[in-house]
């Protein structure tokens, strides 16, 4: 039996999407923070996976491949994390390329909106902070507005400029829930609902999300994550049990200076939950001879 008492961090971002550290630096930081099982989950991109796996193996850190796919569900953006898949799967890579395709147009429209309130050159400014020009996001715009002194921090940027109803907000239609879960599953991985408390769904809409996700073959939900409160850990532990989903754990770490939660700093999963890594023990990339299941068992 693979224990729930494991310092697994299965949600974070590198410069390949909207983080500030390289995959190699994240591996080192995760190891230094006591993480025992790690996954890099860049937005709509698997370009950092081989680098992350190689870096983890070199320092004795067990690794699961990861990605965070943007999905539109009842008019809102939802994120689906994929874990333990083949990062070279052709259909997955094609789907992610299609999903990324709308990001650049969206970024230019965001820049136009900011220009109308007197903030010029935001697109060019944001791209300076994007390690991957295909993945310019609101986070990169936020960093530009902070560095230029327009706002004190990224929270202020989002509040004043980048959330719905503000000048730089532009909605985008992402992948469908069915497609995202299908890409992950067909590539041999497990699909996970990321940070469910962040979505502003009604009770009925949230039930519909979990039900449809499960019907498409989704396997898990992030219960313990950087944006959840202690009360929300309990809420989504109950949801995991109600829907028969495995539980995941991840900080959603982006940057040493911006993230509220450090890699590996979350509470452990409750013992009543089935950890997602139990389902994926055969996909864990181990660093030593004993093998992936024994390597993460306590």
C-alpha atoms as a PDB file:
ATOM      1  CA  UNK A   1       0.000   0.000   0.000  1.00  0.00           C
ATOM      2  CA  UNK A   2       1.362   3.434  -0.931  1.00  0.00           C
ATOM      3  CA  UNK A   3       0.923   5.772   2.007  1.00  0.00           C
ATOM      4  CA  UNK A   4      -0.893   9.117   2.085  1.00  0.00           C
ATOM      5  CA  UNK A   5       1.886  10.348   4.398  1.00  0.00           C
ATOM      6  CA  UNK A   6       4.118  11.344   1.518  1.00  0.00           C
ATOM      7  CA  UNK A   7       5.506  14.767   0.699  1.00  0.00           C
ATOM      8  CA  UNK A   8       4.278  14.752  -2.888  1.00  0.00           C
ATOM      9  CA  UNK A   9       4.087  18.053  -4.768  1.00  0.00           C
ATOM     10  CA  UNK A  10       2.248  17.404  -8.009  1.00  0.00           C
ATOM     11  CA  UNK A  11       1.480  20.932  -9.220  1.00  0.00           C
ATOM     12  CA  UNK A  12       4.011  23.654 -10.058  1.00  0.00           C
ATOM     13  CA  UNK A  13       5.188  25.764 -12.991  1.00  0.00           C
ATOM     14  CA  UNK A  14       8.483  26.591 -14.696  1.00  0.00           C
ATOM     15  CA  UNK A  15       9.642  29.187 -17.226  1.00  0.00           C
ATOM     16  CA  UNK A  16       8.227  26.889 -19.894  1.00  0.00           C
ATOM     17  CA  UNK A  17       4.839  28.379 -18.969  1.00  0.00           C
ATOM     18  CA  UNK A  18       4.397  31.117 -16.349  1.00  0.00           C
ATOM     19  CA  UNK A  19       6.846  30.232 -13.588  1.00  0.00           C
ATOM     20  CA  UNK A  20      10.128  32.038 -12.981  1.00  0.00           C
ATOM     21  CA  UNK A  21      12.447  29.055 -12.403  1.00  0.00           C
ATOM     22  CA  UNK A  22      13.795  26.513 -14.878  1.00  0.00           C
ATOM     23  CA  UNK A  23      12.719  22.869 -14.604  1.00  0.00           C
ATOM     24  CA  UNK A  24      16.187  22.090 -13.258  1.00  0.00           C
ATOM     25  CA  UNK A  25      16.010  24.787 -10.581  1.00  0.00           C
ATOM     26  CA  UNK A  26      12.546  23.600  -9.543  1.00  0.00           C
ATOM     27  CA  UNK A  27      13.813  20.042  -9.156  1.00  0.00           C
ATOM     28  CA  UNK A  28      16.612  21.286  -6.899  1.00  0.00           C
ATOM     29  CA  UNK A  29      14.218  23.430  -4.872  1.00  0.00           C
ATOM     30  CA  UNK A  30      11.713  20.592  -4.482  1.00  0.00           C
ATOM     31  CA  UNK A  31      14.440  18.262  -3.253  1.00  0.00           C
ATOM     32  CA  UNK A  32      15.756  20.884  -0.819  1.00  0.00           C
ATOM     33  CA  UNK A  33      12.223  21.382   0.565  1.00  0.00           C
ATOM     34  CA  UNK A  34      11.844  17.695   1.334  1.00  0.00           C
ATOM     35  CA  UNK A  35       9.590  16.761  -1.591  1.00  0.00           C
ATOM     36  CA  UNK A  36       9.649  13.000  -2.150  1.00  0.00           C
ATOM     37  CA  UNK A  37       7.554  12.805  -5.329  1.00  0.00           C
ATOM     38  CA  UNK A  38       7.416  15.719  -7.752  1.00  0.00           C
ATOM     39  CA  UNK A  39       5.629  16.724 -10.964  1.00  0.00           C
ATOM     40  CA  UNK A  40       6.120  19.765 -13.176  1.00  0.00           C
ATOM     41  CA  UNK A  41       2.709  20.837 -14.536  1.00  0.00           C
ATOM     42  CA  UNK A  42       3.233  23.700 -16.971  1.00  0.00           C
ATOM     43  CA  UNK A  43       0.159  25.258 -18.586  1.00  0.00           C
ATOM     44  CA  UNK A  44      -0.837  23.582 -21.853  1.00  0.00           C
ATOM     45  CA  UNK A  45       2.763  22.562 -22.519  1.00  0.00           C
ATOM     46  CA  UNK A  46       4.938  19.467 -22.045  1.00  0.00           C
ATOM     47  CA  UNK A  47       8.140  21.010 -23.395  1.00  0.00           C
ATOM     48  CA  UNK A  48       9.831  20.919 -19.984  1.00  0.00           C
ATOM     49  CA  UNK A  49       9.038  17.303 -19.144  1.00  0.00           C
ATOM     50  CA  UNK A  50      12.213  15.578 -20.263  1.00  0.00           C
ATOM     51  CA  UNK A  51      14.328  18.279 -18.609  1.00  0.00           C
ATOM     52  CA  UNK A  52      12.398  17.940 -15.352  1.00  0.00           C
ATOM     53  CA  UNK A  53      12.597  14.141 -15.335  1.00  0.00           C
ATOM     54  CA  UNK A  54      16.315  14.172 -16.084  1.00  0.00           C
ATOM     55  CA  UNK A  55      17.005  16.742 -13.371  1.00  0.00           C
ATOM     56  CA  UNK A  56      14.918  14.823 -10.830  1.00  0.00           C
ATOM     57  CA  UNK A  57      16.651  11.547 -11.613  1.00  0.00           C
ATOM     58  CA  UNK A  58      20.070  13.154 -11.218  1.00  0.00           C
ATOM     59  CA  UNK A  59      19.348  14.285  -7.656  1.00  0.00           C
ATOM     60  CA  UNK A  60      17.405  11.244  -6.434  1.00  0.00           C
ATOM     61  CA  UNK A  61      13.892  12.684  -6.650  1.00  0.00           C
ATOM     62  CA  UNK A  62      10.999  10.497  -7.814  1.00  0.00           C
ATOM     63  CA  UNK A  63       9.081  12.056 -10.699  1.00  0.00           C
ATOM     64  CA  UNK A  64       5.686  11.968 -12.440  1.00  0.00           C
ATOM     65  CA  UNK A  65       5.121  13.697 -15.765  1.00  0.00           C
ATOM     66  CA  UNK A  66       2.618  16.533 -15.536  1.00  0.00           C
ATOM     67  CA  UNK A  67       0.652  19.204 -17.375  1.00  0.00           C
ATOM     68  CA  UNK A  68      -2.158  21.655 -16.534  1.00  0.00           C
ATOM     69  CA  UNK A  69      -4.707  21.984 -19.328  1.00  0.00           C
ATOM     70  CA  UNK A  70      -7.028  24.982 -19.671  1.00  0.00           C
ATOM     71  CA  UNK A  71     -10.671  23.986 -20.146  1.00  0.00           C
ATOM     72  CA  UNK A  72     -13.878  25.957 -20.622  1.00  0.00           C
ATOM     73  CA  UNK A  73     -16.799  24.639 -18.565  1.00  0.00           C
ATOM     74  CA  UNK A  74     -20.155  26.493 -18.323  1.00  0.00           C
ATOM     75  CA  UNK A  75     -18.442  29.704 -19.374  1.00  0.00           C
ATOM     76  CA  UNK A  76     -15.577  29.548 -16.894  1.00  0.00           C
ATOM     77  CA  UNK A  77     -11.955  28.491 -17.179  1.00  0.00           C
ATOM     78  CA  UNK A  78     -11.200  25.289 -15.295  1.00  0.00           C
ATOM     79  CA  UNK A  79      -7.797  23.634 -15.035  1.00  0.00           C
ATOM     80  CA  UNK A  80      -7.276  19.911 -15.419  1.00  0.00           C
ATOM     81  CA  UNK A  81      -3.944  18.498 -14.287  1.00  0.00           C
ATOM     82  CA  UNK A  82      -2.611  15.431 -16.062  1.00  0.00           C
ATOM     83  CA  UNK A  83      -0.148  13.148 -14.269  1.00  0.00           C
ATOM     84  CA  UNK A  84       1.855  10.093 -15.269  1.00  0.00           C
ATOM     85  CA  UNK A  85       1.263  10.253 -19.039  1.00  0.00           C
ATOM     86  CA  UNK A  86       3.607   9.736 -21.987  1.00  0.00           C
ATOM     87  CA  UNK A  87       4.871  13.267 -22.781  1.00  0.00           C
ATOM     88  CA  UNK A  88       5.638  12.244 -26.374  1.00  0.00           C
ATOM     89  CA  UNK A  89       2.071  11.097 -27.102  1.00  0.00           C
ATOM     90  CA  UNK A  90       1.130  12.558 -30.490  1.00  0.00           C
ATOM     91  CA  UNK A  91      -2.551  13.235 -29.780  1.00  0.00           C
ATOM     92  CA  UNK A  92      -1.785  14.937 -26.457  1.00  0.00           C
ATOM     93  CA  UNK A  93       0.855  17.185 -28.004  1.00  0.00           C
ATOM     94  CA  UNK A  94      -1.463  18.097 -30.884  1.00  0.00           C
ATOM     95  CA  UNK A  95      -4.274  18.948 -28.469  1.00  0.00           C
ATOM     96  CA  UNK A  96      -1.995  21.155 -26.383  1.00  0.00           C
ATOM     97  CA  UNK A  97      -0.739  22.938 -29.509  1.00  0.00           C
ATOM     98  CA  UNK A  98      -4.346  23.665 -30.469  1.00  0.00           C
ATOM     99  CA  UNK A  99      -5.119  24.938 -26.955  1.00  0.00           C
ATOM    100  CA  UNK A 100      -2.085  27.237 -26.954  1.00  0.00           C
ATOM    101  CA  UNK A 101      -3.054  28.641 -30.345  1.00  0.00           C
ATOM    102  CA  UNK A 102      -5.524  31.162 -28.980  1.00  0.00           C
ATOM    103  CA  UNK A 103      -3.229  32.544 -26.288  1.00  0.00           C
ATOM    104  CA  UNK A 104      -1.306  34.986 -28.475  1.00  0.00           C
ATOM    105  CA  UNK A 105      -4.435  36.603 -29.918  1.00  0.00           C
ATOM    106  CA  UNK A 106      -5.851  36.844 -26.404  1.00  0.00           C
ATOM    107  CA  UNK A 107      -2.630  38.490 -25.180  1.00  0.00           C
ATOM    108  CA  UNK A 108      -2.795  41.130 -27.910  1.00  0.00           C
ATOM    109  CA  UNK A 109      -6.416  41.881 -27.026  1.00  0.00           C
ATOM    110  CA  UNK A 110      -5.451  42.212 -23.362  1.00  0.00           C
ATOM    111  CA  UNK A 111      -2.746  44.687 -24.361  1.00  0.00           C
ATOM    112  CA  UNK A 112      -5.271  46.691 -26.389  1.00  0.00           C
ATOM    113  CA  UNK A 113      -7.570  46.885 -23.382  1.00  0.00           C
ATOM    114  CA  UNK A 114      -4.763  48.134 -21.153  1.00  0.00           C
ATOM    115  CA  UNK A 115      -3.731  50.684 -23.791  1.00  0.00           C
ATOM    116  CA  UNK A 116      -7.219  52.153 -23.702  1.00  0.00           C
ATOM    117  CA  UNK A 117      -6.667  53.087 -20.047  1.00  0.00           C
ATOM    118  CA  UNK A 118      -3.238  54.562 -20.705  1.00  0.00           C
ATOM    119  CA  UNK A 119      -0.921  51.558 -20.220  1.00  0.00           C
ATOM    120  CA  UNK A 120       1.080  51.383 -23.431  1.00  0.00           C
ATOM    121  CA  UNK A 121       3.355  48.592 -24.662  1.00  0.00           C
ATOM    122  CA  UNK A 122       1.937  45.936 -22.348  1.00  0.00           C
ATOM    123  CA  UNK A 123       2.142  43.119 -24.911  1.00  0.00           C
ATOM    124  CA  UNK A 124       5.807  43.769 -25.621  1.00  0.00           C
ATOM    125  CA  UNK A 125       6.455  44.176 -21.907  1.00  0.00           C
ATOM    126  CA  UNK A 126       4.717  40.940 -20.994  1.00  0.00           C
ATOM    127  CA  UNK A 127       6.591  38.907 -23.601  1.00  0.00           C
ATOM    128  CA  UNK A 128       9.880  39.875 -21.913  1.00  0.00           C
ATOM    129  CA  UNK A 129       8.779  37.796 -18.917  1.00  0.00           C
ATOM    130  CA  UNK A 130       7.603  34.799 -20.944  1.00  0.00           C
ATOM    131  CA  UNK A 131      10.127  32.024 -21.401  1.00  0.00           C
ATOM    132  CA  UNK A 132       7.799  30.546 -24.024  1.00  0.00           C
ATOM    133  CA  UNK A 133       6.334  33.139 -26.452  1.00  0.00           C
ATOM    134  CA  UNK A 134       3.377  30.812 -27.164  1.00  0.00           C
ATOM    135  CA  UNK A 135       2.299  31.028 -23.541  1.00  0.00           C
ATOM    136  CA  UNK A 136       2.015  34.726 -22.729  1.00  0.00           C
ATOM    137  CA  UNK A 137      -0.497  34.873 -19.892  1.00  0.00           C
ATOM    138  CA  UNK A 138      -2.070  37.231 -17.379  1.00  0.00           C
ATOM    139  CA  UNK A 139       0.800  36.395 -15.004  1.00  0.00           C
ATOM    140  CA  UNK A 140       3.327  37.842 -17.457  1.00  0.00           C
ATOM    141  CA  UNK A 141       1.269  41.023 -17.846  1.00  0.00           C
ATOM    142  CA  UNK A 142       1.080  41.251 -14.055  1.00  0.00           C
ATOM    143  CA  UNK A 143       4.868  41.021 -13.713  1.00  0.00           C
ATOM    144  CA  UNK A 144       5.295  43.774 -16.308  1.00  0.00           C
ATOM    145  CA  UNK A 145       2.887  46.092 -14.476  1.00  0.00           C
ATOM    146  CA  UNK A 146       4.688  45.499 -11.181  1.00  0.00           C
ATOM    147  CA  UNK A 147       8.169  46.014 -12.633  1.00  0.00           C
ATOM    148  CA  UNK A 148       7.104  49.264 -14.286  1.00  0.00           C
ATOM    149  CA  UNK A 149       5.702  50.557 -10.982  1.00  0.00           C
ATOM    150  CA  UNK A 150       2.056  50.721 -12.077  1.00  0.00           C
ATOM    151  CA  UNK A 151       1.080  48.339  -9.264  1.00  0.00           C
ATOM    152  CA  UNK A 152       2.716  47.260  -6.008  1.00  0.00           C
ATOM    153  CA  UNK A 153       2.300  43.528  -6.529  1.00  0.00           C
ATOM    154  CA  UNK A 154       0.645  40.998  -8.796  1.00  0.00           C
ATOM    155  CA  UNK A 155      -2.446  40.768  -6.584  1.00  0.00           C
ATOM    156  CA  UNK A 156      -3.092  44.466  -7.151  1.00  0.00           C
ATOM    157  CA  UNK A 157      -2.635  44.029 -10.906  1.00  0.00           C
ATOM    158  CA  UNK A 158      -5.242  41.290 -11.092  1.00  0.00           C
ATOM    159  CA  UNK A 159      -7.661  43.203  -8.880  1.00  0.00           C
ATOM    160  CA  UNK A 160      -7.424  46.435 -10.893  1.00  0.00           C
ATOM    161  CA  UNK A 161      -6.798  45.267 -14.427  1.00  0.00           C
ATOM    162  CA  UNK A 162      -6.998  41.549 -15.199  1.00  0.00           C
ATOM    163  CA  UNK A 163     -10.145  40.035 -13.695  1.00  0.00           C
ATOM    164  CA  UNK A 164     -13.574  40.016 -15.309  1.00  0.00           C
ATOM    165  CA  UNK A 165     -14.930  43.522 -15.797  1.00  0.00           C
ATOM    166  CA  UNK A 166     -11.489  45.161 -15.737  1.00  0.00           C
ATOM    167  CA  UNK A 167      -9.691  46.733 -18.744  1.00  0.00           C
ATOM    168  CA  UNK A 168      -7.204  43.937 -19.426  1.00  0.00           C
ATOM    169  CA  UNK A 169      -9.549  40.991 -19.015  1.00  0.00           C
ATOM    170  CA  UNK A 170     -10.204  38.939 -22.138  1.00  0.00           C
ATOM    171  CA  UNK A 171     -12.025  35.593 -21.904  1.00  0.00           C
ATOM    172  CA  UNK A 172     -10.838  32.707 -24.017  1.00  0.00           C
ATOM    173  CA  UNK A 173     -12.446  29.470 -25.094  1.00  0.00           C
ATOM    174  CA  UNK A 174     -10.118  26.634 -24.189  1.00  0.00           C
ATOM    175  CA  UNK A 175     -10.324  22.874 -24.698  1.00  0.00           C
ATOM    176  CA  UNK A 176     -13.469  20.975 -23.777  1.00  0.00           C
ATOM    177  CA  UNK A 177     -13.500  18.960 -20.569  1.00  0.00           C
ATOM    178  CA  UNK A 178     -14.027  15.775 -22.589  1.00  0.00           C
ATOM    179  CA  UNK A 179     -11.050  16.489 -24.844  1.00  0.00           C
ATOM    180  CA  UNK A 180      -8.654  17.377 -22.020  1.00  0.00           C
ATOM    181  CA  UNK A 181      -9.504  14.282 -19.979  1.00  0.00           C
ATOM    182  CA  UNK A 182      -9.310  12.166 -23.127  1.00  0.00           C
ATOM    183  CA  UNK A 183      -5.866  13.444 -24.147  1.00  0.00           C
ATOM    184  CA  UNK A 184      -4.464  12.684 -20.703  1.00  0.00           C
ATOM    185  CA  UNK A 185      -6.127   9.292 -20.361  1.00  0.00           C
ATOM    186  CA  UNK A 186      -5.217   8.133 -23.866  1.00  0.00           C
ATOM    187  CA  UNK A 187      -1.591   9.051 -23.150  1.00  0.00           C
ATOM    188  CA  UNK A 188      -1.631   6.679 -20.168  1.00  0.00           C
ATOM    189  CA  UNK A 189      -2.093   9.265 -17.430  1.00  0.00           C
ATOM    190  CA  UNK A 190      -4.596  10.326 -14.776  1.00  0.00           C
ATOM    191  CA  UNK A 191      -6.742  13.458 -15.092  1.00  0.00           C
ATOM    192  CA  UNK A 192      -7.166  15.577 -11.943  1.00  0.00           C
ATOM    193  CA  UNK A 193      -9.427  18.582 -11.251  1.00  0.00           C
ATOM    194  CA  UNK A 194      -7.033  21.330 -10.135  1.00  0.00           C
ATOM    195  CA  UNK A 195      -7.780  23.622  -7.130  1.00  0.00           C
ATOM    196  CA  UNK A 196     -11.586  23.232  -7.328  1.00  0.00           C
ATOM    197  CA  UNK A 197     -12.315  25.871  -4.675  1.00  0.00           C
ATOM    198  CA  UNK A 198     -11.014  28.588  -6.994  1.00  0.00           C
ATOM    199  CA  UNK A 199     -13.939  28.249  -9.381  1.00  0.00           C
ATOM    200  CA  UNK A 200     -16.976  30.370  -8.656  1.00  0.00           C
ATOM    201  CA  UNK A 201     -19.524  27.714  -9.463  1.00  0.00           C
ATOM    202  CA  UNK A 202     -22.931  27.294  -7.913  1.00  0.00           C
ATOM    203  CA  UNK A 203     -23.523  24.043  -6.042  1.00  0.00           C
ATOM    204  CA  UNK A 204     -25.316  22.612  -9.076  1.00  0.00           C
ATOM    205  CA  UNK A 205     -22.577  23.695 -11.480  1.00  0.00           C
ATOM    206  CA  UNK A 206     -19.876  22.185  -9.294  1.00  0.00           C
ATOM    207  CA  UNK A 207     -21.820  18.926  -9.090  1.00  0.00           C
ATOM    208  CA  UNK A 208     -22.108  18.967 -12.884  1.00  0.00           C
ATOM    209  CA  UNK A 209     -18.349  19.533 -13.235  1.00  0.00           C
ATOM    210  CA  UNK A 210     -17.482  16.582 -11.003  1.00  0.00           C
ATOM    211  CA  UNK A 211     -20.117  14.358 -12.598  1.00  0.00           C
ATOM    212  CA  UNK A 212     -19.092  15.112 -16.177  1.00  0.00           C
ATOM    213  CA  UNK A 213     -15.399  14.852 -15.308  1.00  0.00           C
ATOM    214  CA  UNK A 214     -15.955  11.416 -13.789  1.00  0.00           C
ATOM    215  CA  UNK A 215     -18.057  10.277 -16.764  1.00  0.00           C
ATOM    216  CA  UNK A 216     -15.235  11.150 -19.166  1.00  0.00           C
ATOM    217  CA  UNK A 217     -12.737   9.050 -17.201  1.00  0.00           C
ATOM    218  CA  UNK A 218     -11.335  11.622 -14.773  1.00  0.00           C
ATOM    219  CA  UNK A 219      -9.645   9.967 -11.807  1.00  0.00           C
ATOM    220  CA  UNK A 220      -8.788  12.552  -9.173  1.00  0.00           C
ATOM    221  CA  UNK A 221      -9.137  15.957  -7.539  1.00  0.00           C
ATOM    222  CA  UNK A 222      -6.652  18.253  -5.820  1.00  0.00           C
ATOM    223  CA  UNK A 223      -7.708  18.232  -2.196  1.00  0.00           C
ATOM    224  CA  UNK A 224      -4.671  19.855  -0.600  1.00  0.00           C
ATOM    225  CA  UNK A 225      -3.373  22.724  -2.712  1.00  0.00           C
ATOM    226  CA  UNK A 226      -1.849  26.160  -2.230  1.00  0.00           C
ATOM    227  CA  UNK A 227      -5.057  28.123  -2.789  1.00  0.00           C
ATOM    228  CA  UNK A 228      -7.300  26.024  -0.506  1.00  0.00           C
ATOM    229  CA  UNK A 229      -8.107  26.855   3.085  1.00  0.00           C
ATOM    230  CA  UNK A 230      -8.132  24.230   5.839  1.00  0.00           C
ATOM    231  CA  UNK A 231     -11.926  24.109   5.597  1.00  0.00           C
ATOM    232  CA  UNK A 232     -11.680  23.558   1.841  1.00  0.00           C
ATOM    233  CA  UNK A 233      -9.316  20.618   2.400  1.00  0.00           C
ATOM    234  CA  UNK A 234     -12.207  18.965   4.252  1.00  0.00           C
ATOM    235  CA  UNK A 235     -14.813  19.974   1.682  1.00  0.00           C
ATOM    236  CA  UNK A 236     -12.918  18.463  -1.219  1.00  0.00           C
ATOM    237  CA  UNK A 237     -11.845  15.416   0.738  1.00  0.00           C
ATOM    238  CA  UNK A 238     -15.564  14.735   1.126  1.00  0.00           C
ATOM    239  CA  UNK A 239     -16.111  15.419  -2.587  1.00  0.00           C
ATOM    240  CA  UNK A 240     -13.331  12.986  -3.493  1.00  0.00           C
ATOM    241  CA  UNK A 241     -14.994  10.282  -1.415  1.00  0.00           C
ATOM    242  CA  UNK A 242     -18.486  11.097  -2.718  1.00  0.00           C
ATOM    243  CA  UNK A 243     -17.406  10.819  -6.359  1.00  0.00           C
ATOM    244  CA  UNK A 244     -14.953   7.970  -5.896  1.00  0.00           C
ATOM    245  CA  UNK A 245     -11.965  10.089  -6.936  1.00  0.00           C
ATOM    246  CA  UNK A 246      -8.358   9.800  -5.845  1.00  0.00           C
ATOM    247  CA  UNK A 247      -6.848  12.762  -4.003  1.00  0.00           C
ATOM    248  CA  UNK A 248      -3.893  14.851  -5.135  1.00  0.00           C
ATOM    249  CA  UNK A 249      -1.623  17.350  -3.401  1.00  0.00           C
ATOM    250  CA  UNK A 250       0.254  20.265  -4.978  1.00  0.00           C
ATOM    251  CA  UNK A 251       1.478  23.728  -4.087  1.00  0.00           C
ATOM    252  CA  UNK A 252       0.817  25.430  -7.474  1.00  0.00           C
ATOM    253  CA  UNK A 253       4.234  27.046  -6.956  1.00  0.00           C
ATOM    254  CA  UNK A 254       5.236  29.640  -9.588  1.00  0.00           C
ATOM    255  CA  UNK A 255       7.955  31.791  -8.067  1.00  0.00           C
ATOM    256  CA  UNK A 256       9.969  32.258  -4.865  1.00  0.00           C
ATOM    257  CA  UNK A 257       8.747  35.870  -4.636  1.00  0.00           C
ATOM    258  CA  UNK A 258       5.143  35.507  -5.833  1.00  0.00           C
ATOM    259  CA  UNK A 259       3.793  32.194  -4.560  1.00  0.00           C
ATOM    260  CA  UNK A 260       1.910  31.964  -1.271  1.00  0.00           C
ATOM    261  CA  UNK A 261       2.878  28.321  -0.759  1.00  0.00           C
ATOM    262  CA  UNK A 262       6.384  26.874  -0.975  1.00  0.00           C
ATOM    263  CA  UNK A 263       7.085  23.595  -2.722  1.00  0.00           C
ATOM    264  CA  UNK A 264       6.443  20.701  -0.355  1.00  0.00           C
ATOM    265  CA  UNK A 265       4.992  22.880   2.422  1.00  0.00           C
ATOM    266  CA  UNK A 266       1.389  21.612   2.389  1.00  0.00           C
ATOM    267  CA  UNK A 267      -0.317  19.375   4.973  1.00  0.00           C
ATOM    268  CA  UNK A 268      -0.434  15.675   4.188  1.00  0.00           C
ATOM    269  CA  UNK A 269      -3.531  14.068   2.726  1.00  0.00           C
ATOM    270  CA  UNK A 270      -6.008  12.590   5.182  1.00  0.00           C
ATOM    271  CA  UNK A 271      -5.575   8.859   5.700  1.00  0.00           C
ATOM    272  CA  UNK A 272      -9.147   8.163   4.563  1.00  0.00           C
ATOM    273  CA  UNK A 273      -8.299   9.262   1.010  1.00  0.00           C
ATOM    274  CA  UNK A 274      -6.807   7.256  -1.823  1.00  0.00           C
ATOM    275  CA  UNK A 275      -3.712   9.133  -3.050  1.00  0.00           C
ATOM    276  CA  UNK A 276      -3.434   9.560  -6.796  1.00  0.00           C
ATOM    277  CA  UNK A 277       0.133   8.290  -6.700  1.00  0.00           C
ATOM    278  CA  UNK A 278      -1.236   4.907  -5.661  1.00  0.00           C
ATOM    279  CA  UNK A 279      -2.948   4.699  -9.045  1.00  0.00           C
ATOM    280  CA  UNK A 280       0.217   5.825 -10.810  1.00  0.00           C
ATOM    281  CA  UNK A 281       2.910   3.845  -8.997  1.00  0.00           C
ATOM    282  CA  UNK A 282       3.790   2.108 -12.282  1.00  0.00           C
ATOM    283  CA  UNK A 283       4.365   5.507 -13.934  1.00  0.00           C
ATOM    284  CA  UNK A 284       6.632   7.009 -11.288  1.00  0.00           C
ATOM    285  CA  UNK A 285      10.100   7.559 -12.668  1.00  0.00           C
ATOM    286  CA  UNK A 286      12.310   6.192  -9.916  1.00  0.00           C
ATOM    287  CA  UNK A 287      15.947   7.069  -9.394  1.00  0.00           C
ATOM    288  CA  UNK A 288      17.185   3.778  -7.954  1.00  0.00           C
ATOM    289  CA  UNK A 289      16.907   0.027  -8.327  1.00  0.00           C
ATOM    290  CA  UNK A 290      14.116  -0.880  -5.823  1.00  0.00           C
ATOM    291  CA  UNK A 291      11.359   0.350  -8.149  1.00  0.00           C
ATOM    292  CA  UNK A 292       8.694   3.046  -8.013  1.00  0.00           C
ATOM    293  CA  UNK A 293       6.171   1.484  -5.639  1.00  0.00           C
ATOM    294  CA  UNK A 294       8.615   0.601  -2.906  1.00  0.00           C
ATOM    295  CA  UNK A 295      10.433   3.868  -3.391  1.00  0.00           C
ATOM    296  CA  UNK A 296       7.431   5.908  -2.268  1.00  0.00           C
ATOM    297  CA  UNK A 297       6.079   3.582   0.393  1.00  0.00           C
ATOM    298  CA  UNK A 298       6.739   4.281   4.057  1.00  0.00           C
END
